[in-house]
N, C-alpha and C. Protein backbone atom coordinates (compact mmCIF):
# COMPACT_ATOMS: atom_id res chain seq x y z
N MET A 1 -16.37 -1.51 -9.33
CA MET A 1 -15.37 -2.40 -9.91
C MET A 1 -15.63 -3.81 -9.39
N SER A 2 -15.64 -4.75 -10.30
CA SER A 2 -15.91 -6.13 -9.91
C SER A 2 -14.72 -6.74 -9.17
N ARG A 3 -15.01 -7.74 -8.39
CA ARG A 3 -13.97 -8.45 -7.66
C ARG A 3 -12.98 -9.08 -8.63
N ARG A 4 -13.48 -9.57 -9.76
CA ARG A 4 -12.61 -10.21 -10.76
C ARG A 4 -11.61 -9.21 -11.34
N VAL A 5 -12.04 -7.99 -11.61
CA VAL A 5 -11.14 -6.95 -12.12
C VAL A 5 -10.07 -6.65 -11.08
N GLN A 6 -10.47 -6.55 -9.82
CA GLN A 6 -9.50 -6.31 -8.75
C GLN A 6 -8.47 -7.44 -8.69
N GLN A 7 -8.93 -8.67 -8.83
CA GLN A 7 -8.01 -9.80 -8.80
C GLN A 7 -7.00 -9.72 -9.94
N VAL A 8 -7.46 -9.38 -11.12
CA VAL A 8 -6.55 -9.26 -12.27
C VAL A 8 -5.52 -8.16 -12.01
N ILE A 9 -5.97 -7.04 -11.47
CA ILE A 9 -5.05 -5.93 -11.17
C ILE A 9 -3.97 -6.40 -10.19
N PHE A 10 -4.37 -7.06 -9.13
CA PHE A 10 -3.39 -7.54 -8.14
C PHE A 10 -2.45 -8.59 -8.73
N ILE A 11 -2.97 -9.49 -9.56
CA ILE A 11 -2.13 -10.54 -10.15
C ILE A 11 -1.12 -9.94 -11.12
N VAL A 12 -1.56 -9.05 -11.99
CA VAL A 12 -0.63 -8.43 -12.94
C VAL A 12 0.42 -7.62 -12.19
N HIS A 13 -0.02 -6.84 -11.22
CA HIS A 13 0.91 -6.04 -10.42
C HIS A 13 1.91 -6.95 -9.72
N GLY A 14 1.42 -8.03 -9.12
CA GLY A 14 2.30 -8.96 -8.42
C GLY A 14 3.32 -9.60 -9.34
N ALA A 15 2.88 -10.02 -10.50
CA ALA A 15 3.79 -10.67 -11.45
C ALA A 15 4.87 -9.70 -11.93
N VAL A 16 4.48 -8.50 -12.28
CA VAL A 16 5.45 -7.50 -12.75
C VAL A 16 6.43 -7.14 -11.64
N THR A 17 5.93 -7.00 -10.43
CA THR A 17 6.78 -6.61 -9.31
C THR A 17 7.75 -7.72 -8.93
N VAL A 18 7.28 -8.96 -8.91
CA VAL A 18 8.18 -10.09 -8.63
C VAL A 18 9.23 -10.19 -9.73
N ALA A 19 8.82 -9.99 -10.98
CA ALA A 19 9.78 -10.04 -12.09
C ALA A 19 10.86 -8.97 -11.92
N ALA A 20 10.47 -7.78 -11.52
CA ALA A 20 11.45 -6.71 -11.29
C ALA A 20 12.42 -7.11 -10.18
N GLY A 21 11.89 -7.73 -9.13
CA GLY A 21 12.76 -8.19 -8.04
C GLY A 21 13.76 -9.23 -8.51
N ILE A 22 13.30 -10.15 -9.33
CA ILE A 22 14.20 -11.18 -9.85
C ILE A 22 15.29 -10.57 -10.72
N VAL A 23 14.91 -9.62 -11.58
CA VAL A 23 15.91 -8.94 -12.42
C VAL A 23 16.92 -8.21 -11.55
N LEU A 24 16.46 -7.54 -10.49
CA LEU A 24 17.38 -6.82 -9.62
C LEU A 24 18.37 -7.75 -8.91
N VAL A 25 17.98 -8.99 -8.68
CA VAL A 25 18.89 -9.95 -8.07
C VAL A 25 19.83 -10.54 -9.12
N ALA A 26 19.27 -10.95 -10.26
CA ALA A 26 20.07 -11.63 -11.28
C ALA A 26 20.99 -10.69 -12.05
N LEU A 27 20.49 -9.49 -12.34
CA LEU A 27 21.25 -8.49 -13.11
C LEU A 27 21.13 -7.14 -12.42
N PRO A 28 21.81 -6.96 -11.30
CA PRO A 28 21.60 -5.77 -10.47
C PRO A 28 21.76 -4.43 -11.19
N SER A 29 22.62 -4.37 -12.18
CA SER A 29 22.86 -3.08 -12.83
C SER A 29 21.93 -2.83 -14.01
N ALA A 30 21.11 -3.80 -14.41
CA ALA A 30 20.30 -3.68 -15.63
C ALA A 30 19.24 -2.59 -15.53
N ILE A 31 18.44 -2.59 -14.47
CA ILE A 31 17.36 -1.60 -14.36
C ILE A 31 17.93 -0.20 -14.16
N PRO A 32 18.88 0.02 -13.25
CA PRO A 32 19.45 1.36 -13.14
C PRO A 32 20.08 1.87 -14.45
N ALA A 33 20.66 0.96 -15.22
CA ALA A 33 21.30 1.36 -16.48
C ALA A 33 20.31 1.94 -17.48
N THR A 34 19.02 1.57 -17.36
CA THR A 34 18.02 2.09 -18.31
C THR A 34 17.86 3.60 -18.22
N ILE A 35 18.27 4.18 -17.09
CA ILE A 35 18.21 5.65 -16.96
C ILE A 35 19.60 6.25 -16.79
N GLY A 36 20.60 5.49 -17.17
CA GLY A 36 21.96 6.03 -17.18
C GLY A 36 22.72 5.93 -15.87
N ILE A 37 22.22 5.17 -14.92
CA ILE A 37 22.93 4.98 -13.66
C ILE A 37 23.80 3.74 -13.79
N LEU A 38 25.09 3.93 -13.72
CA LEU A 38 26.03 2.82 -13.84
C LEU A 38 26.50 2.40 -12.46
N LEU A 39 26.34 1.13 -12.17
CA LEU A 39 26.71 0.60 -10.85
C LEU A 39 27.91 -0.32 -10.96
N GLU A 40 28.72 -0.26 -9.95
CA GLU A 40 29.85 -1.18 -9.78
C GLU A 40 29.39 -2.29 -8.83
N PRO A 41 30.06 -3.42 -8.85
CA PRO A 41 29.65 -4.52 -7.96
C PRO A 41 29.53 -4.12 -6.48
N GLN A 42 30.35 -3.19 -6.02
CA GLN A 42 30.24 -2.79 -4.61
C GLN A 42 28.94 -2.02 -4.32
N ASP A 43 28.23 -1.60 -5.38
CA ASP A 43 26.97 -0.88 -5.23
C ASP A 43 25.75 -1.80 -5.28
N TYR A 44 25.95 -3.08 -5.54
CA TYR A 44 24.84 -4.00 -5.76
C TYR A 44 23.97 -4.22 -4.53
N LEU A 45 24.49 -3.98 -3.34
CA LEU A 45 23.69 -4.18 -2.14
C LEU A 45 22.40 -3.36 -2.20
N LEU A 46 22.47 -2.14 -2.71
CA LEU A 46 21.26 -1.31 -2.84
C LEU A 46 20.23 -2.00 -3.73
N CYS A 47 20.68 -2.60 -4.81
CA CYS A 47 19.77 -3.33 -5.70
C CYS A 47 19.18 -4.54 -5.00
N TYR A 48 19.99 -5.23 -4.22
CA TYR A 48 19.51 -6.41 -3.51
C TYR A 48 18.47 -6.03 -2.45
N LEU A 49 18.68 -4.92 -1.77
CA LEU A 49 17.69 -4.46 -0.79
C LEU A 49 16.39 -4.06 -1.48
N LEU A 50 16.50 -3.37 -2.60
CA LEU A 50 15.30 -3.02 -3.37
C LEU A 50 14.62 -4.28 -3.89
N ALA A 51 15.41 -5.25 -4.32
CA ALA A 51 14.85 -6.52 -4.80
C ALA A 51 14.04 -7.20 -3.70
N ALA A 52 14.55 -7.19 -2.49
CA ALA A 52 13.81 -7.81 -1.38
C ALA A 52 12.46 -7.13 -1.18
N ALA A 53 12.44 -5.80 -1.25
CA ALA A 53 11.18 -5.07 -1.12
C ALA A 53 10.25 -5.39 -2.29
N GLU A 54 10.78 -5.43 -3.50
CA GLU A 54 9.96 -5.74 -4.68
C GLU A 54 9.37 -7.14 -4.57
N LEU A 55 10.16 -8.11 -4.14
CA LEU A 55 9.66 -9.47 -3.99
C LEU A 55 8.55 -9.54 -2.94
N ALA A 56 8.74 -8.85 -1.82
CA ALA A 56 7.72 -8.86 -0.77
C ALA A 56 6.44 -8.17 -1.23
N ILE A 57 6.57 -7.04 -1.90
CA ILE A 57 5.39 -6.32 -2.40
C ILE A 57 4.68 -7.17 -3.46
N GLY A 58 5.45 -7.81 -4.31
CA GLY A 58 4.84 -8.68 -5.32
C GLY A 58 4.08 -9.84 -4.72
N MET A 59 4.66 -10.47 -3.71
CA MET A 59 3.97 -11.58 -3.05
C MET A 59 2.71 -11.10 -2.33
N LEU A 60 2.78 -9.93 -1.71
CA LEU A 60 1.59 -9.37 -1.06
C LEU A 60 0.50 -9.11 -2.10
N SER A 61 0.88 -8.59 -3.25
CA SER A 61 -0.10 -8.33 -4.30
C SER A 61 -0.74 -9.63 -4.79
N LEU A 62 0.08 -10.65 -5.02
CA LEU A 62 -0.47 -11.94 -5.44
C LEU A 62 -1.41 -12.51 -4.38
N GLY A 63 -1.04 -12.36 -3.12
CA GLY A 63 -1.90 -12.82 -2.03
C GLY A 63 -3.19 -12.02 -1.92
N ALA A 64 -3.10 -10.73 -2.18
CA ALA A 64 -4.30 -9.87 -2.09
C ALA A 64 -5.36 -10.28 -3.11
N ALA A 65 -4.93 -10.87 -4.21
CA ALA A 65 -5.88 -11.31 -5.23
C ALA A 65 -6.82 -12.39 -4.70
N ARG A 66 -6.40 -13.09 -3.64
CA ARG A 66 -7.21 -14.18 -3.08
C ARG A 66 -8.03 -13.77 -1.86
N LEU A 67 -7.85 -12.54 -1.38
CA LEU A 67 -8.53 -12.12 -0.16
C LEU A 67 -10.01 -11.80 -0.41
N ASP A 68 -10.82 -12.14 0.56
CA ASP A 68 -12.25 -11.83 0.50
C ASP A 68 -12.63 -10.68 1.42
N ASP A 69 -11.74 -10.29 2.30
CA ASP A 69 -12.03 -9.22 3.27
C ASP A 69 -11.84 -7.86 2.60
N PRO A 70 -12.94 -7.11 2.38
CA PRO A 70 -12.82 -5.82 1.69
C PRO A 70 -11.94 -4.81 2.42
N ARG A 71 -11.92 -4.86 3.74
CA ARG A 71 -11.07 -3.93 4.49
C ARG A 71 -9.59 -4.24 4.29
N ALA A 72 -9.25 -5.52 4.24
CA ALA A 72 -7.86 -5.91 3.99
C ALA A 72 -7.44 -5.49 2.58
N VAL A 73 -8.32 -5.72 1.60
CA VAL A 73 -8.03 -5.33 0.22
C VAL A 73 -7.88 -3.82 0.12
N GLU A 74 -8.74 -3.10 0.80
CA GLU A 74 -8.66 -1.63 0.81
C GLU A 74 -7.32 -1.15 1.37
N LEU A 75 -6.89 -1.72 2.48
CA LEU A 75 -5.63 -1.33 3.10
C LEU A 75 -4.44 -1.63 2.19
N ILE A 76 -4.44 -2.81 1.61
CA ILE A 76 -3.33 -3.19 0.72
C ILE A 76 -3.30 -2.28 -0.51
N ALA A 77 -4.45 -2.04 -1.11
CA ALA A 77 -4.51 -1.18 -2.29
C ALA A 77 -4.08 0.25 -1.95
N ALA A 78 -4.49 0.75 -0.79
CA ALA A 78 -4.08 2.09 -0.37
C ALA A 78 -2.57 2.16 -0.15
N ALA A 79 -2.00 1.09 0.43
CA ALA A 79 -0.55 1.06 0.63
C ALA A 79 0.19 1.03 -0.70
N PHE A 80 -0.32 0.27 -1.67
CA PHE A 80 0.31 0.26 -2.99
C PHE A 80 0.19 1.61 -3.67
N ALA A 81 -0.95 2.28 -3.51
CA ALA A 81 -1.11 3.62 -4.08
C ALA A 81 -0.09 4.57 -3.46
N ALA A 82 0.10 4.48 -2.15
CA ALA A 82 1.08 5.33 -1.47
C ALA A 82 2.50 5.02 -1.95
N PHE A 83 2.81 3.75 -2.09
CA PHE A 83 4.13 3.33 -2.55
C PHE A 83 4.43 3.88 -3.95
N HIS A 84 3.50 3.66 -4.87
CA HIS A 84 3.73 4.12 -6.24
C HIS A 84 3.69 5.65 -6.34
N GLY A 85 2.82 6.28 -5.57
CA GLY A 85 2.77 7.73 -5.57
C GLY A 85 4.05 8.35 -5.02
N ALA A 86 4.53 7.82 -3.92
CA ALA A 86 5.76 8.33 -3.32
C ALA A 86 6.95 8.09 -4.24
N THR A 87 6.98 6.93 -4.88
CA THR A 87 8.06 6.64 -5.82
C THR A 87 8.04 7.64 -6.98
N ALA A 88 6.86 7.96 -7.48
CA ALA A 88 6.75 8.93 -8.57
C ALA A 88 7.27 10.30 -8.14
N VAL A 89 6.91 10.73 -6.95
CA VAL A 89 7.38 12.02 -6.44
C VAL A 89 8.91 12.03 -6.33
N LEU A 90 9.47 10.97 -5.78
CA LEU A 90 10.92 10.91 -5.62
C LEU A 90 11.63 10.82 -6.98
N GLU A 91 11.01 10.17 -7.94
CA GLU A 91 11.60 10.14 -9.28
C GLU A 91 11.54 11.51 -9.95
N VAL A 92 10.50 12.30 -9.67
CA VAL A 92 10.44 13.67 -10.18
C VAL A 92 11.57 14.49 -9.58
N VAL A 93 11.83 14.31 -8.29
CA VAL A 93 12.94 15.01 -7.65
C VAL A 93 14.25 14.66 -8.35
N TYR A 94 14.46 13.38 -8.61
CA TYR A 94 15.67 12.94 -9.31
C TYR A 94 15.70 13.51 -10.73
N LEU A 95 14.58 13.48 -11.40
CA LEU A 95 14.49 13.99 -12.77
C LEU A 95 14.92 15.45 -12.84
N VAL A 96 14.45 16.25 -11.89
CA VAL A 96 14.80 17.67 -11.87
C VAL A 96 16.28 17.87 -11.50
N ALA A 97 16.74 17.12 -10.51
CA ALA A 97 18.12 17.31 -10.04
C ALA A 97 19.15 16.77 -11.01
N GLU A 98 18.85 15.68 -11.67
CA GLU A 98 19.84 15.00 -12.50
C GLU A 98 19.53 15.03 -13.99
N ARG A 99 18.51 15.76 -14.37
CA ARG A 99 18.13 15.83 -15.79
C ARG A 99 17.89 14.44 -16.37
N GLY A 100 16.93 13.77 -15.80
CA GLY A 100 16.60 12.44 -16.27
C GLY A 100 16.12 12.43 -17.71
N ASP A 101 15.89 11.25 -18.23
CA ASP A 101 15.52 11.12 -19.63
C ASP A 101 14.08 10.63 -19.78
N THR A 102 13.72 10.29 -21.01
CA THR A 102 12.35 9.88 -21.30
C THR A 102 11.99 8.55 -20.65
N VAL A 103 12.97 7.68 -20.43
CA VAL A 103 12.68 6.41 -19.76
C VAL A 103 12.21 6.68 -18.33
N LEU A 104 12.89 7.58 -17.64
CA LEU A 104 12.47 7.93 -16.28
C LEU A 104 11.11 8.62 -16.31
N LEU A 105 10.89 9.50 -17.25
CA LEU A 105 9.60 10.17 -17.36
C LEU A 105 8.49 9.16 -17.60
N ALA A 106 8.74 8.18 -18.46
CA ALA A 106 7.75 7.13 -18.71
C ALA A 106 7.46 6.34 -17.43
N ASN A 107 8.50 6.06 -16.64
CA ASN A 107 8.31 5.33 -15.39
C ASN A 107 7.48 6.15 -14.40
N ILE A 108 7.70 7.46 -14.38
CA ILE A 108 6.90 8.33 -13.52
C ILE A 108 5.42 8.25 -13.90
N VAL A 109 5.15 8.29 -15.19
CA VAL A 109 3.77 8.19 -15.66
C VAL A 109 3.16 6.85 -15.26
N VAL A 110 3.91 5.77 -15.43
CA VAL A 110 3.41 4.44 -15.05
C VAL A 110 3.14 4.39 -13.55
N ARG A 111 4.03 4.96 -12.75
CA ARG A 111 3.83 4.97 -11.29
C ARG A 111 2.57 5.74 -10.91
N LEU A 112 2.36 6.89 -11.55
CA LEU A 112 1.16 7.69 -11.26
C LEU A 112 -0.11 6.94 -11.67
N LEU A 113 -0.06 6.25 -12.80
CA LEU A 113 -1.21 5.45 -13.22
C LEU A 113 -1.47 4.31 -12.24
N ALA A 114 -0.40 3.66 -11.80
CA ALA A 114 -0.56 2.57 -10.82
C ALA A 114 -1.15 3.10 -9.52
N ALA A 115 -0.68 4.25 -9.07
CA ALA A 115 -1.23 4.85 -7.85
C ALA A 115 -2.72 5.14 -8.02
N ALA A 116 -3.09 5.68 -9.17
CA ALA A 116 -4.50 5.99 -9.42
C ALA A 116 -5.35 4.72 -9.46
N VAL A 117 -4.85 3.68 -10.12
CA VAL A 117 -5.59 2.42 -10.19
C VAL A 117 -5.80 1.85 -8.80
N PHE A 118 -4.76 1.87 -7.98
CA PHE A 118 -4.90 1.31 -6.63
C PHE A 118 -5.78 2.18 -5.73
N LEU A 119 -5.84 3.47 -5.98
CA LEU A 119 -6.80 4.31 -5.24
C LEU A 119 -8.22 3.93 -5.61
N VAL A 120 -8.46 3.64 -6.88
CA VAL A 120 -9.78 3.20 -7.32
C VAL A 120 -10.12 1.85 -6.69
N VAL A 121 -9.17 0.93 -6.65
CA VAL A 121 -9.39 -0.37 -6.03
C VAL A 121 -9.71 -0.19 -4.54
N ALA A 122 -8.95 0.66 -3.86
CA ALA A 122 -9.19 0.90 -2.43
C ALA A 122 -10.59 1.47 -2.20
N ARG A 123 -10.96 2.42 -3.02
CA ARG A 123 -12.28 3.04 -2.86
C ARG A 123 -13.39 2.03 -3.14
N ALA A 124 -13.23 1.22 -4.17
CA ALA A 124 -14.24 0.20 -4.48
C ALA A 124 -14.35 -0.81 -3.36
N SER A 125 -13.22 -1.18 -2.75
CA SER A 125 -13.24 -2.12 -1.63
C SER A 125 -13.92 -1.51 -0.42
N ASN A 126 -13.72 -0.22 -0.21
CA ASN A 126 -14.33 0.49 0.90
C ASN A 126 -15.85 0.45 0.77
N ARG A 127 -16.34 0.55 -0.42
CA ARG A 127 -17.81 0.53 -0.65
C ARG A 127 -18.41 -0.83 -0.32
N ARG A 128 -17.59 -1.88 -0.43
CA ARG A 128 -18.10 -3.22 -0.15
C ARG A 128 -18.00 -3.60 1.31
N SER A 129 -17.27 -2.79 2.10
CA SER A 129 -17.09 -3.17 3.52
C SER A 129 -18.24 -2.70 4.38
């Protein structure tokens, strides 16, 4: 995998993740509502905490696009793979327990694809170190 492809992956991931963080701050109930979770204002703190994590992960991804150290890129990509993989597993648990819908199933598929892409990025970076 070329360095340019890796950069594009990190930039797109960073932009999408930062955008999700912004939405979670500006409209805390919007993303949960897509799978039928209705939040009251007293529940928004959970969204704000998730938004903080999304913003930090997004900024790390945008920064990773500029890194030249293959070991650093490998570590970041492996961490993103773990994050998206773990999120997918936890969403499957929720899907089974709460009878989630197709939106949640689609998100699980996207998370698994993201995990796979970042595993490929990590492996490619490992080969360059």
